[in-house]
Amino acid sequence: MATYTLPELPYDYAALEPVINPEIIELHHDKHHAAYVKGANDTLEQLAEAREKEAWGSVNGLEKNLAFHLSGHILHSIYWHNMTGDGGGEPLEKDGVGELADAIAESFGSFAGFKSQLTKASATTQGSGWGVLAYEPVSGRLIVEQIYDHQGNVGQGSVPILVFDAWEHAFYLQYKNQKVDFIEAMWKVVNWQDVAKRYTSAKQRANNLLLAP
């Protein structure tokens, strides 16, 4: 039985126009995200076979594949909900996301400073990767991570709450090679309500990371 399944989109393919056109959303979700789900499930089956046969010659590659596909599935599952056609702007107390706004200001000095850092981290990924706003439970602060592929360069224990997909398949059909234009446009569809819920949930689970007995 498959462990991971492709989640349904929370909106139709055209919901994020003009920032992201329907063709990109359809291909990105139905093909690329689906491939990561299949890859994670296939790798789990291959690892089960390796355990059964005590055949560990390919364990390094299998573990890397699992990290790659599973992380791709997780990040994309967050990505779809991080966006809405009614989003954009910045988190404000009057919109019920004041706690998130305060955390951003405390961690980065200002919303403008945070926006600039996440934009640059996303737009300057070498090759394929993501820009991510994450809750870091050891310090209790928000950090920006520049993730290579889906799983490289990540702080252990950090919880992603806002993710910008900087892989070419996320934008090339519409923005060509202008990754920075796509990242700038992404700010128009950020779903701050979703990000705020993820921030609250991450804080509540922070004590699950035990650094010492």
Protein backbone atom coordinates (compact mmCIF):
# COMPACT_ATOMS: atom_id res chain seq x y z
CA MET A 1 0.00 0.00 0.00
CA ALA A 2 1.30 3.45 -0.92
CA THR A 3 2.44 5.50 2.07
CA TYR A 4 2.26 8.90 0.38
CA THR A 5 -0.51 10.30 -1.82
CA LEU A 6 -0.76 13.37 -4.04
CA PRO A 7 -2.92 15.99 -2.29
CA GLU A 8 -5.62 17.80 -4.21
CA LEU A 9 -5.07 21.44 -5.04
CA PRO A 10 -6.99 23.83 -2.77
CA TYR A 11 -8.08 25.85 -5.84
CA ASP A 12 -8.50 25.42 -9.59
CA TYR A 13 -5.66 25.71 -12.08
CA ALA A 14 -6.50 29.33 -12.96
CA ALA A 15 -6.79 30.61 -9.39
CA LEU A 16 -3.33 32.21 -9.24
CA GLU A 17 -3.45 34.12 -12.52
CA PRO A 18 -1.76 36.30 -13.64
CA VAL A 19 1.13 35.43 -11.29
CA ILE A 20 1.15 31.76 -12.32
CA ASN A 21 -0.74 30.60 -15.39
CA PRO A 22 -2.99 27.49 -15.40
CA GLU A 23 -0.68 25.41 -17.59
CA ILE A 24 2.15 25.71 -15.08
CA ILE A 25 -0.08 24.83 -12.14
CA GLU A 26 -1.44 21.76 -13.92
CA LEU A 27 1.97 20.46 -15.01
CA HIS A 28 3.61 21.33 -11.71
CA HIS A 29 1.02 19.58 -9.56
CA ASP A 30 -0.15 16.71 -11.75
CA LYS A 31 3.26 15.75 -13.17
CA HIS A 32 6.15 17.05 -11.06
CA HIS A 33 4.61 16.76 -7.60
CA ALA A 34 3.08 13.41 -8.54
CA ALA A 35 6.52 12.17 -9.56
CA TYR A 36 7.94 12.96 -6.10
CA VAL A 37 5.08 11.06 -4.44
CA LYS A 38 5.73 8.05 -6.68
CA GLY A 39 9.47 8.31 -6.11
CA ALA A 40 9.07 8.28 -2.33
CA ASN A 41 6.76 5.27 -2.42
CA ASP A 42 8.98 3.39 -4.86
CA THR A 43 12.04 4.02 -2.73
CA LEU A 44 10.32 2.73 0.40
CA GLU A 45 9.50 -0.47 -1.48
CA GLN A 46 13.11 -0.80 -2.61
CA LEU A 47 14.34 -0.32 0.95
CA ALA A 48 11.92 -2.98 2.19
CA GLU A 49 13.28 -5.37 -0.44
CA ALA A 50 16.85 -4.55 0.60
CA ARG A 51 16.01 -5.34 4.24
CA GLU A 52 14.37 -8.62 3.29
CA LYS A 53 17.30 -9.75 1.17
CA GLU A 54 20.02 -8.16 3.31
CA ALA A 55 21.24 -6.54 0.08
CA TRP A 56 22.69 -3.19 1.10
CA GLY A 57 24.89 -2.39 -1.89
CA SER A 58 22.62 0.44 -3.01
CA VAL A 59 21.68 1.80 0.43
CA ASN A 60 23.47 5.13 -0.07
CA GLY A 61 21.57 5.88 -3.25
CA LEU A 62 18.25 4.70 -1.82
CA GLU A 63 18.56 6.88 1.29
CA LYS A 64 19.43 9.89 -0.88
CA ASN A 65 16.48 9.16 -3.16
CA LEU A 66 14.11 8.93 -0.19
CA ALA A 67 15.29 12.27 1.17
CA PHE A 68 14.96 13.88 -2.26
CA HIS A 69 11.49 12.60 -3.14
CA LEU A 70 10.00 12.86 0.34
CA SER A 71 11.27 16.40 0.82
CA GLY A 72 9.92 17.32 -2.62
CA HIS A 73 6.52 15.96 -1.64
CA ILE A 74 6.48 17.79 1.69
CA LEU A 75 7.63 21.15 0.30
CA HIS A 76 5.15 21.04 -2.57
CA SER A 77 2.32 20.12 -0.21
CA ILE A 78 3.10 23.30 1.75
CA TYR A 79 3.64 25.35 -1.42
CA TRP A 80 0.11 24.92 -2.77
CA HIS A 81 -1.47 26.09 0.48
CA ASN A 82 0.99 28.97 0.89
CA MET A 83 -0.63 30.65 -2.12
CA THR A 84 -4.04 32.17 -2.79
CA GLY A 85 -5.48 34.41 -5.47
CA ASP A 86 -6.62 36.78 -2.70
CA GLY A 87 -3.21 36.99 -1.03
CA GLY A 88 -0.21 39.24 -1.13
CA GLY A 89 0.86 42.32 0.76
CA GLU A 90 2.28 41.72 4.22
CA PRO A 91 0.94 40.17 7.42
CA LEU A 92 -0.93 42.72 9.53
CA GLU A 93 -2.57 42.64 12.94
CA LYS A 94 -5.88 43.84 11.50
CA ASP A 95 -5.99 40.69 9.35
CA GLY A 96 -5.57 38.44 12.38
CA VAL A 97 -1.93 37.56 11.74
CA GLY A 98 -0.28 40.02 14.09
CA GLU A 99 1.66 37.33 15.96
CA LEU A 100 3.37 36.29 12.73
CA ALA A 101 4.05 39.92 11.83
CA ASP A 102 5.67 40.50 15.22
CA ALA A 103 7.81 37.37 14.88
CA ILE A 104 9.03 38.48 11.45
CA ALA A 105 9.93 41.93 12.77
CA GLU A 106 11.71 40.45 15.79
CA SER A 107 13.68 37.90 13.75
CA PHE A 108 14.59 40.08 10.75
CA GLY A 109 14.32 43.66 11.99
CA SER A 110 11.45 44.51 9.66
CA PHE A 111 9.14 42.97 7.09
CA ALA A 112 11.14 44.73 4.37
CA GLY A 113 14.35 43.13 5.60
CA PHE A 114 12.71 39.70 5.69
CA LYS A 115 11.21 40.12 2.22
CA SER A 116 14.56 41.16 0.77
CA GLN A 117 16.38 38.19 2.35
CA LEU A 118 13.85 35.57 1.25
CA THR A 119 13.69 37.07 -2.24
CA LYS A 120 17.46 36.98 -2.64
CA ALA A 121 17.77 33.49 -1.16
CA SER A 122 15.11 32.19 -3.55
CA ALA A 123 16.31 34.00 -6.65
CA THR A 124 20.00 33.10 -6.25
CA THR A 125 19.64 29.35 -5.72
CA GLN A 126 22.29 27.65 -7.85
CA GLY A 127 20.45 25.27 -10.14
CA SER A 128 17.34 23.87 -8.48
CA GLY A 129 16.05 24.69 -5.03
CA TRP A 130 13.79 26.68 -2.74
CA GLY A 131 13.72 29.76 -0.58
CA VAL A 132 12.09 28.96 2.76
CA LEU A 133 10.91 30.80 5.85
CA ALA A 134 11.21 28.33 8.72
CA TYR A 135 10.62 28.24 12.45
CA GLU A 136 13.83 27.22 14.23
CA PRO A 137 12.83 25.58 17.55
CA VAL A 138 16.15 25.76 19.39
CA SER A 139 16.27 29.57 19.31
CA GLY A 140 12.51 30.05 18.94
CA ARG A 141 13.04 32.42 16.02
CA LEU A 142 12.28 32.51 12.32
CA ILE A 143 15.08 31.92 9.83
CA VAL A 144 15.42 31.94 6.03
CA GLU A 145 16.89 28.84 4.43
CA GLN A 146 18.17 28.41 0.87
CA ILE A 147 17.48 24.77 0.10
CA TYR A 148 19.34 22.98 -2.68
CA ASP A 149 17.22 20.47 -4.60
CA HIS A 150 14.62 19.62 -1.94
CA GLN A 151 16.73 18.57 1.01
CA GLY A 152 20.20 20.11 0.98
CA ASN A 153 21.43 22.91 3.26
CA VAL A 154 18.64 22.49 5.82
CA GLY A 155 18.94 23.14 9.55
CA GLN A 156 17.85 20.03 11.45
CA GLY A 157 14.57 20.52 13.30
CA SER A 158 13.51 23.66 11.46
CA VAL A 159 9.88 23.70 10.30
CA PRO A 160 9.08 25.30 6.91
CA ILE A 161 6.11 27.66 7.05
CA LEU A 162 6.50 29.63 3.79
CA VAL A 163 8.17 28.15 0.71
CA PHE A 164 9.09 29.67 -2.66
CA ASP A 165 9.74 27.08 -5.37
CA ALA A 166 12.74 28.20 -7.42
CA TRP A 167 12.96 25.15 -9.69
CA GLU A 168 12.63 26.02 -13.38
CA HIS A 169 9.50 23.88 -13.75
CA ALA A 170 7.74 26.30 -11.37
CA PHE A 171 8.08 29.29 -13.69
CA TYR A 172 9.93 28.72 -16.99
CA LEU A 173 6.89 28.40 -19.29
CA GLN A 174 5.78 31.87 -18.21
CA TYR A 175 8.86 33.74 -17.00
CA LYS A 176 11.53 32.06 -19.18
CA ASN A 177 14.91 32.45 -17.48
CA GLN A 178 13.87 35.42 -15.33
CA LYS A 179 13.73 33.65 -11.99
CA VAL A 180 13.92 36.90 -10.05
CA ASP A 181 10.78 38.22 -11.80
CA PHE A 182 8.90 35.11 -10.75
CA ILE A 183 10.03 35.40 -7.13
CA GLU A 184 9.04 39.07 -7.02
CA ALA A 185 5.61 38.16 -8.41
CA MET A 186 5.17 35.40 -5.81
CA TRP A 187 4.71 38.01 -3.09
CA LYS A 188 1.37 38.91 -4.70
CA VAL A 189 -0.15 35.51 -3.90
CA VAL A 190 1.26 34.68 -0.44
CA ASN A 191 -1.46 33.30 1.81
CA TRP A 192 -0.54 34.89 5.14
CA GLN A 193 -3.41 33.18 6.92
CA ASP A 194 -1.89 29.81 6.03
CA VAL A 195 1.62 30.92 6.98
CA ALA A 196 0.36 32.22 10.34
CA LYS A 197 -1.36 28.90 11.12
CA ARG A 198 1.84 27.02 10.30
CA TYR A 199 3.84 29.36 12.54
CA THR A 200 1.48 28.81 15.48
CA SER A 201 1.54 25.05 14.98
CA ALA A 202 5.35 24.96 14.72
CA LYS A 203 5.71 26.87 18.00
CA GLN A 204 3.34 24.52 19.78
CA ARG A 205 5.38 21.50 18.69
CA ALA A 206 8.76 23.07 19.50
CA ASN A 207 9.30 21.02 22.65
CA ASN A 208 9.24 17.82 20.60
CA LEU A 209 12.88 18.48 19.69
CA LEU A 210 14.84 17.20 22.69
CA LEU A 211 18.48 18.25 22.69
CA ALA A 212 19.18 16.45 25.97
CA PRO A 213 17.36 13.90 28.14
